[in-house]
Amino acid sequence: MNLAALLKPLAAVLLTSIALSGCGVLAAPCRVASAGIKMVPVVGHAAAAPTDLCAAVIDP
């Protein structure tokens, strides 16, 4: 495979990400992970802080 064939999918993903920046769809994995972590008793909410921050950065 040549370099151009490898860069085309990467460029498509990057352009899609740029076009959807600030979109809740991109923040969904962070929000789902946060919700799952928050189910852990006692430490869940503290442990979910990084994933909450991730979602807040992507979709303010």
N, C-alpha and C. Protein backbone atom coordinates (compact mmCIF):
# COMPACT_ATOMS: atom_id res chain seq x y z
N MET A 1 0.83 -1.18 0.00
CA MET A 1 0.00 0.00 0.00
C MET A 1 0.87 1.24 0.00
N ASN A 2 0.45 2.22 -0.73
CA ASN A 2 1.23 3.45 -0.74
C ASN A 2 0.70 4.43 0.32
N LEU A 3 1.43 5.48 0.53
CA LEU A 3 1.12 6.44 1.59
C LEU A 3 -0.20 7.16 1.33
N ALA A 4 -0.48 7.47 0.10
CA ALA A 4 -1.72 8.18 -0.23
C ALA A 4 -2.95 7.34 0.13
N ALA A 5 -2.87 6.04 -0.09
CA ALA A 5 -3.99 5.16 0.23
C ALA A 5 -4.22 5.10 1.74
N LEU A 6 -3.17 5.24 2.52
CA LEU A 6 -3.31 5.22 3.97
C LEU A 6 -3.82 6.55 4.52
N LEU A 7 -3.48 7.63 3.85
CA LEU A 7 -3.87 8.95 4.34
C LEU A 7 -5.31 9.33 4.01
N LYS A 8 -5.89 8.74 2.98
CA LYS A 8 -7.25 9.09 2.60
C LYS A 8 -8.26 8.82 3.71
N PRO A 9 -8.27 7.62 4.32
CA PRO A 9 -9.23 7.40 5.41
C PRO A 9 -8.96 8.30 6.62
N LEU A 10 -7.70 8.53 6.91
CA LEU A 10 -7.35 9.40 8.02
C LEU A 10 -7.84 10.83 7.76
N ALA A 11 -7.66 11.30 6.56
CA ALA A 11 -8.12 12.64 6.20
C ALA A 11 -9.64 12.73 6.29
N ALA A 12 -10.33 11.67 5.87
CA ALA A 12 -11.79 11.67 5.94
C ALA A 12 -12.27 11.74 7.39
N VAL A 13 -11.63 11.01 8.27
CA VAL A 13 -12.00 11.03 9.68
C VAL A 13 -11.73 12.41 10.28
N LEU A 14 -10.59 12.97 9.97
CA LEU A 14 -10.25 14.29 10.50
C LEU A 14 -11.20 15.37 9.99
N LEU A 15 -11.51 15.34 8.71
CA LEU A 15 -12.44 16.32 8.16
C LEU A 15 -13.83 16.18 8.74
N THR A 16 -14.27 14.95 8.95
CA THR A 16 -15.57 14.72 9.58
C THR A 16 -15.57 15.24 11.00
N SER A 17 -14.50 15.00 11.72
CA SER A 17 -14.40 15.49 13.09
C SER A 17 -14.44 17.01 13.14
N ILE A 18 -13.75 17.64 12.22
CA ILE A 18 -13.75 19.11 12.18
C ILE A 18 -15.14 19.63 11.84
N ALA A 19 -15.80 18.98 10.90
CA ALA A 19 -17.13 19.42 10.50
C ALA A 19 -18.14 19.26 11.63
N LEU A 20 -17.95 18.25 12.46
CA LEU A 20 -18.88 17.99 13.55
C LEU A 20 -18.39 18.51 14.89
N SER A 21 -17.36 19.32 14.89
CA SER A 21 -16.82 19.79 16.17
C SER A 21 -17.89 20.53 16.95
N GLY A 22 -17.91 20.27 18.23
CA GLY A 22 -18.93 20.85 19.07
C GLY A 22 -20.23 20.07 19.03
N CYS A 23 -20.22 18.97 18.39
CA CYS A 23 -21.43 18.18 18.22
C CYS A 23 -21.56 17.15 19.34
N GLY A 24 -22.76 16.97 19.83
CA GLY A 24 -23.02 16.01 20.89
C GLY A 24 -22.73 14.58 20.49
N VAL A 25 -22.76 14.29 19.20
CA VAL A 25 -22.48 12.93 18.73
C VAL A 25 -21.05 12.53 19.08
N LEU A 26 -20.13 13.47 18.96
CA LEU A 26 -18.74 13.17 19.28
C LEU A 26 -18.52 13.06 20.79
N ALA A 27 -19.35 13.72 21.57
CA ALA A 27 -19.22 13.67 23.02
C ALA A 27 -19.93 12.46 23.62
N ALA A 28 -20.73 11.77 22.84
CA ALA A 28 -21.51 10.65 23.36
C ALA A 28 -20.65 9.56 24.02
N PRO A 29 -19.54 9.13 23.43
CA PRO A 29 -18.75 8.09 24.11
C PRO A 29 -18.26 8.54 25.49
N CYS A 30 -17.88 9.79 25.62
CA CYS A 30 -17.45 10.31 26.92
C CYS A 30 -18.61 10.30 27.91
N ARG A 31 -19.78 10.71 27.45
CA ARG A 31 -20.94 10.78 28.33
C ARG A 31 -21.40 9.38 28.76
N VAL A 32 -21.36 8.42 27.85
CA VAL A 32 -21.75 7.05 28.17
C VAL A 32 -20.76 6.44 29.17
N ALA A 33 -19.48 6.66 28.94
CA ALA A 33 -18.47 6.15 29.87
C ALA A 33 -18.65 6.78 31.24
N SER A 34 -18.92 8.07 31.29
CA SER A 34 -19.13 8.77 32.55
C SER A 34 -20.32 8.18 33.31
N ALA A 35 -21.40 7.94 32.60
CA ALA A 35 -22.59 7.37 33.24
C ALA A 35 -22.29 5.98 33.81
N GLY A 36 -21.53 5.18 33.08
CA GLY A 36 -21.17 3.85 33.56
C GLY A 36 -20.27 3.91 34.79
N ILE A 37 -19.33 4.82 34.79
CA ILE A 37 -18.41 4.94 35.92
C ILE A 37 -19.15 5.46 37.16
N LYS A 38 -20.12 6.34 36.95
CA LYS A 38 -20.86 6.92 38.09
C LYS A 38 -21.70 5.88 38.83
N MET A 39 -21.91 4.73 38.22
CA MET A 39 -22.67 3.67 38.89
C MET A 39 -21.86 2.96 39.97
N VAL A 40 -20.56 3.16 39.99
CA VAL A 40 -19.71 2.52 41.00
C VAL A 40 -19.96 3.21 42.33
N PRO A 41 -20.33 2.44 43.36
CA PRO A 41 -20.60 3.05 44.66
C PRO A 41 -19.37 3.75 45.23
N VAL A 42 -19.59 4.78 45.99
CA VAL A 42 -18.63 5.56 46.76
C VAL A 42 -17.70 6.41 45.90
N VAL A 43 -16.97 5.83 44.97
CA VAL A 43 -15.96 6.59 44.22
C VAL A 43 -16.39 6.91 42.79
N GLY A 44 -17.56 6.52 42.39
CA GLY A 44 -17.99 6.68 41.01
C GLY A 44 -17.98 8.11 40.51
N HIS A 45 -18.54 9.01 41.29
CA HIS A 45 -18.63 10.40 40.83
C HIS A 45 -17.25 11.05 40.73
N ALA A 46 -16.38 10.75 41.66
CA ALA A 46 -15.02 11.31 41.60
C ALA A 46 -14.24 10.70 40.44
N ALA A 47 -14.42 9.41 40.21
CA ALA A 47 -13.69 8.74 39.13
C ALA A 47 -14.19 9.17 37.75
N ALA A 48 -15.43 9.64 37.68
CA ALA A 48 -16.00 10.04 36.40
C ALA A 48 -15.64 11.47 36.00
N ALA A 49 -14.96 12.18 36.86
CA ALA A 49 -14.62 13.58 36.57
C ALA A 49 -13.85 13.75 35.25
N PRO A 50 -12.85 12.91 34.96
CA PRO A 50 -12.14 13.09 33.67
C PRO A 50 -13.04 12.88 32.45
N THR A 51 -13.95 11.93 32.52
CA THR A 51 -14.83 11.72 31.37
C THR A 51 -15.86 12.83 31.26
N ASP A 52 -16.28 13.41 32.39
CA ASP A 52 -17.16 14.58 32.34
C ASP A 52 -16.44 15.75 31.69
N LEU A 53 -15.17 15.92 32.02
CA LEU A 53 -14.38 17.00 31.44
C LEU A 53 -14.20 16.78 29.94
N CYS A 54 -13.99 15.54 29.54
CA CYS A 54 -13.85 15.20 28.12
C CYS A 54 -15.11 15.63 27.36
N ALA A 55 -16.28 15.28 27.88
CA ALA A 55 -17.52 15.64 27.23
C ALA A 55 -17.73 17.15 27.20
N ALA A 56 -17.34 17.82 28.27
CA ALA A 56 -17.51 19.27 28.33
C ALA A 56 -16.61 19.99 27.33
N VAL A 57 -15.44 19.44 27.09
CA VAL A 57 -14.52 20.06 26.12
C VAL A 57 -15.05 19.87 24.70
N ILE A 58 -15.56 18.69 24.40
CA ILE A 58 -16.04 18.41 23.06
C ILE A 58 -17.34 19.16 22.76
N ASP A 59 -18.26 19.15 23.72
CA ASP A 59 -19.57 19.76 23.50
C ASP A 59 -19.90 20.66 24.68
N PRO A 60 -19.43 21.91 24.63
CA PRO A 60 -19.62 22.82 25.79
C PRO A 60 -21.04 23.22 26.04
